[in-house]
């Protein structure tokens, strides 16, 4: 079905195409008959797909990565398309426009995407109002970060503000310290700043009722020594797990001509080019930690085989985003069918 529309969608500037297609999806889903048809077509309902991770019961292992539905606008539509969970955000305390457009670019020859969105969102309070009408039987995670104008030494306040606002309305949290598009953000991945951040959030979480699972979203551009530090800090802080990985600043090995890539400018590269490194990070974390915490695998999942590779490397759940641009929403169905087949072997 998606293949019919894809050539037309790819003629439109990527960010405009995103809002156009999701606006159309929201419109057609207002018709109960159409929504019912799409649900039957895309959702794979089977009890064996359910899985319990970090105390949460997920309808299936396939989630929507943060960045697609920043402001919690399309949760009902994502459930219709078969997702077991959706991660909204990245949300910041105050709404912000993000970086100047154009800031989203396709690399069709590589099945990749470059973005420098810059945490564009309407602010955490606006998202909370939409979350009050969230659908049932869909796990929702809140991906939180700091405002661009907030200096790193005050970043803890932004994370705590978002945590407090979202806590009654989401099922888990993702701490984003790994986007390359907010100046200085990745410095929060260093051991001491990260220790302070994790402690501040977990102190708040322990005091909350009930506490929510907390995951740390990390970059693929980290050394094994940094990964070792993160494993230590997870065990020290008591957070629940890691989301691996965010986008990369690397540009090596691309088929797209170098001059075209350079014209696109700075930003994080996602999609197929980050697949192998993301899987390496997942495997390293899983092996070095002896599987002591769950990992949500994301990065370059463009097929059911890619998702299975992440699961075999040690991921408990997977998330997709860029793969949807190239494979369409049927990707979720194909992954769930593949998992179902593996479950029955």
Foldseek 3Di string as FASTA:
>chain_A
DVVVCLVVLVVDQVVVSLCVVLVVLVVQCVDVVSLVVLLVVAADQDCLQWDAAPNDIFRHQEEADEPSAQQLPQQVSVVSNHHREYEHFQAWAAADQFDDPPAWDADVQQLKIFGLRGRHDHHLVSSLVNLVPHDPRYAYEYEYWYHLPDDLVCGLVGRVSSCVSCVVRHQEYEYEQAFPNRPPSVVCLDQPNVLVNLQSNLVVQVPDVPRHAYEYEHALPDDLVSLVSVLVSCVVSVHAYYEFYDFDQDDPPDPPDPVVVVVSPGGGMFAQVCLVSSLVSLLSNCVVNVLPHAYEGETHPQALVSVVSSVVSGHPHYHYDSSCSVNNSSRSRRNSVVVVVVSVD
